[in-house]
Amino acid sequence: HLDLMPKEVQIDPTAVIAPTAKFHGPCVVEAGCVVEAAADLGPGVYLGAGSRVGPGARIRRTALLPGAIVEGGAVDRAIVDPNHGIVPVGSS
């Protein structure tokens, strides 16, 4: 739930963030994450430790579990599991 996330963008100092990546809070980026060029994240995005967002990806209201990868494209209202891929969640 968005009400449980911080209002701002929180990025772990070990994350690697491209200078052209954009964040719209709330967002949480854990240790060791990589966010590539022109990625557009938020609101309501959680990147678990070691997850990766590819160039130009657009992610909204989604959690990437630790080690998950989104190569590109748009993901909204989902959980991204490194073993099971993108799992949509309810629209409410």
C-alpha atoms as a PDB file:
ATOM      1  CA  HIS A   1       0.000   0.000   0.000  1.00  0.00           C
ATOM      2  CA  LEU A   2       1.199   3.472  -0.869  1.00  0.00           C
ATOM      3  CA  ASP A   3       0.222   4.724   2.591  1.00  0.00           C
ATOM      4  CA  LEU A   4       2.980   2.531   4.110  1.00  0.00           C
ATOM      5  CA  MET A   5       5.737   3.987   1.921  1.00  0.00           C
ATOM      6  CA  PRO A   6       7.709   7.124   2.698  1.00  0.00           C
ATOM      7  CA  LYS A   7       6.449  10.238   0.934  1.00  0.00           C
ATOM      8  CA  GLU A   8       9.819  10.973  -0.651  1.00  0.00           C
ATOM      9  CA  VAL A   9      12.356   9.073  -2.727  1.00  0.00           C
ATOM     10  CA  GLN A  10      14.821   7.001  -0.677  1.00  0.00           C
ATOM     11  CA  ILE A  11      17.892   5.652  -2.491  1.00  0.00           C
ATOM     12  CA  ASP A  12      20.519   3.485  -0.813  1.00  0.00           C
ATOM     13  CA  PRO A  13      24.018   4.906  -1.325  1.00  0.00           C
ATOM     14  CA  THR A  14      25.203   1.651  -2.933  1.00  0.00           C
ATOM     15  CA  ALA A  15      22.600   1.838  -5.716  1.00  0.00           C
ATOM     16  CA  VAL A  16      23.828   2.786  -9.191  1.00  0.00           C
ATOM     17  CA  ILE A  17      21.500   5.367 -10.736  1.00  0.00           C
ATOM     18  CA  ALA A  18      21.877   6.771 -14.256  1.00  0.00           C
ATOM     19  CA  PRO A  19      21.854  10.580 -14.327  1.00  0.00           C
ATOM     20  CA  THR A  20      18.867  10.571 -16.705  1.00  0.00           C
ATOM     21  CA  ALA A  21      16.684   8.313 -14.505  1.00  0.00           C
ATOM     22  CA  LYS A  22      13.588  10.029 -13.061  1.00  0.00           C
ATOM     23  CA  PHE A  23      11.843   9.317  -9.751  1.00  0.00           C
ATOM     24  CA  HIS A  24       8.388  10.378  -8.570  1.00  0.00           C
ATOM     25  CA  GLY A  25       7.880   9.683  -4.856  1.00  0.00           C
ATOM     26  CA  PRO A  26       7.191   7.655  -3.034  1.00  0.00           C
ATOM     27  CA  CYS A  27       9.984   5.330  -4.131  1.00  0.00           C
ATOM     28  CA  VAL A  28      12.408   3.125  -2.229  1.00  0.00           C
ATOM     29  CA  VAL A  29      15.612   1.849  -3.851  1.00  0.00           C
ATOM     30  CA  GLU A  30      17.504  -0.731  -1.771  1.00  0.00           C
ATOM     31  CA  ALA A  31      21.194  -1.671  -1.718  1.00  0.00           C
ATOM     32  CA  GLY A  32      22.904  -2.723  -4.919  1.00  0.00           C
ATOM     33  CA  CYS A  33      20.097  -1.786  -7.303  1.00  0.00           C
ATOM     34  CA  VAL A  34      20.840  -0.562 -10.818  1.00  0.00           C
ATOM     35  CA  VAL A  35      18.563   1.945 -12.560  1.00  0.00           C
ATOM     36  CA  GLU A  36      19.613   2.574 -16.158  1.00  0.00           C
ATOM     37  CA  ALA A  37      19.304   5.595 -18.453  1.00  0.00           C
ATOM     38  CA  ALA A  38      15.925   7.273 -18.977  1.00  0.00           C
ATOM     39  CA  ALA A  39      14.112   4.907 -16.593  1.00  0.00           C
ATOM     40  CA  ASP A  40      11.012   6.575 -15.096  1.00  0.00           C
ATOM     41  CA  LEU A  41       9.929   5.266 -11.697  1.00  0.00           C
ATOM     42  CA  GLY A  42       7.049   6.092  -9.378  1.00  0.00           C
ATOM     43  CA  PRO A  43       4.917   6.782  -7.692  1.00  0.00           C
ATOM     44  CA  GLY A  44       4.708   3.776  -5.420  1.00  0.00           C
ATOM     45  CA  VAL A  45       7.785   1.846  -6.531  1.00  0.00           C
ATOM     46  CA  TYR A  46       9.908  -0.436  -4.349  1.00  0.00           C
ATOM     47  CA  LEU A  47      13.159  -1.887  -5.699  1.00  0.00           C
ATOM     48  CA  GLY A  48      14.425  -4.742  -3.547  1.00  0.00           C
ATOM     49  CA  ALA A  49      18.150  -5.275  -3.018  1.00  0.00           C
ATOM     50  CA  GLY A  50      20.069  -6.071  -6.180  1.00  0.00           C
ATOM     51  CA  SER A  51      17.159  -5.481  -8.533  1.00  0.00           C
ATOM     52  CA  ARG A  52      17.692  -3.892 -11.931  1.00  0.00           C
ATOM     53  CA  VAL A  53      15.655  -1.527 -14.117  1.00  0.00           C
ATOM     54  CA  GLY A  54      16.648  -1.361 -17.786  1.00  0.00           C
ATOM     55  CA  PRO A  55      16.936   1.705 -19.992  1.00  0.00           C
ATOM     56  CA  GLY A  56      13.712   3.544 -20.675  1.00  0.00           C
ATOM     57  CA  ALA A  57      11.594   1.326 -18.415  1.00  0.00           C
ATOM     58  CA  ARG A  58       8.486   2.990 -16.946  1.00  0.00           C
ATOM     59  CA  ILE A  59       7.425   1.536 -13.591  1.00  0.00           C
ATOM     60  CA  ARG A  60       4.417   2.598 -11.503  1.00  0.00           C
ATOM     61  CA  ARG A  61       2.869   1.145  -8.294  1.00  0.00           C
ATOM     62  CA  THR A  62       5.122  -1.914  -8.469  1.00  0.00           C
ATOM     63  CA  ALA A  63       7.490  -3.867  -6.222  1.00  0.00           C
ATOM     64  CA  LEU A  64      10.580  -5.575  -7.582  1.00  0.00           C
ATOM     65  CA  LEU A  65      11.592  -8.355  -5.220  1.00  0.00           C
ATOM     66  CA  PRO A  66      15.318  -8.706  -4.472  1.00  0.00           C
ATOM     67  CA  GLY A  67      17.210  -9.663  -7.613  1.00  0.00           C
ATOM     68  CA  ALA A  68      14.303  -8.976  -9.988  1.00  0.00           C
ATOM     69  CA  ILE A  69      14.872  -7.409 -13.404  1.00  0.00           C
ATOM     70  CA  VAL A  70      12.691  -5.251 -15.641  1.00  0.00           C
ATOM     71  CA  GLU A  71      14.520  -4.910 -18.958  1.00  0.00           C
ATOM     72  CA  GLY A  72      12.282  -2.172 -20.380  1.00  0.00           C
ATOM     73  CA  GLY A  73       8.709  -1.334 -21.287  1.00  0.00           C
ATOM     74  CA  ALA A  74       5.961  -0.327 -18.877  1.00  0.00           C
ATOM     75  CA  VAL A  75       4.965  -2.112 -15.669  1.00  0.00           C
ATOM     76  CA  ASP A  76       2.072  -0.932 -13.497  1.00  0.00           C
ATOM     77  CA  ARG A  77       0.448  -2.527 -10.430  1.00  0.00           C
ATOM     78  CA  ALA A  78       2.597  -5.625 -10.282  1.00  0.00           C
ATOM     79  CA  ILE A  79       5.082  -7.624  -8.269  1.00  0.00           C
ATOM     80  CA  VAL A  80       8.201  -8.603 -10.187  1.00  0.00           C
ATOM     81  CA  ASP A  81       9.668 -11.856  -8.918  1.00  0.00           C
ATOM     82  CA  PRO A  82      13.123 -12.986 -10.109  1.00  0.00           C
ATOM     83  CA  ASN A  83      11.823 -16.559 -10.453  1.00  0.00           C
ATOM     84  CA  HIS A  84       8.290 -15.977 -11.772  1.00  0.00           C
ATOM     85  CA  GLY A  85       8.480 -12.730 -13.743  1.00  0.00           C
ATOM     86  CA  ILE A  86       5.808 -10.030 -13.638  1.00  0.00           C
ATOM     87  CA  VAL A  87       2.774 -10.894 -11.527  1.00  0.00           C
ATOM     88  CA  PRO A  88      -0.117  -8.388 -11.894  1.00  0.00           C
ATOM     89  CA  VAL A  89      -1.945  -7.335  -8.751  1.00  0.00           C
ATOM     90  CA  GLY A  90      -5.471  -5.973  -8.246  1.00  0.00           C
ATOM     91  CA  SER A  91      -6.455  -2.567  -9.565  1.00  0.00           C
ATOM     92  CA  SER A  92      -7.764  -1.196  -6.261  1.00  0.00           C
END
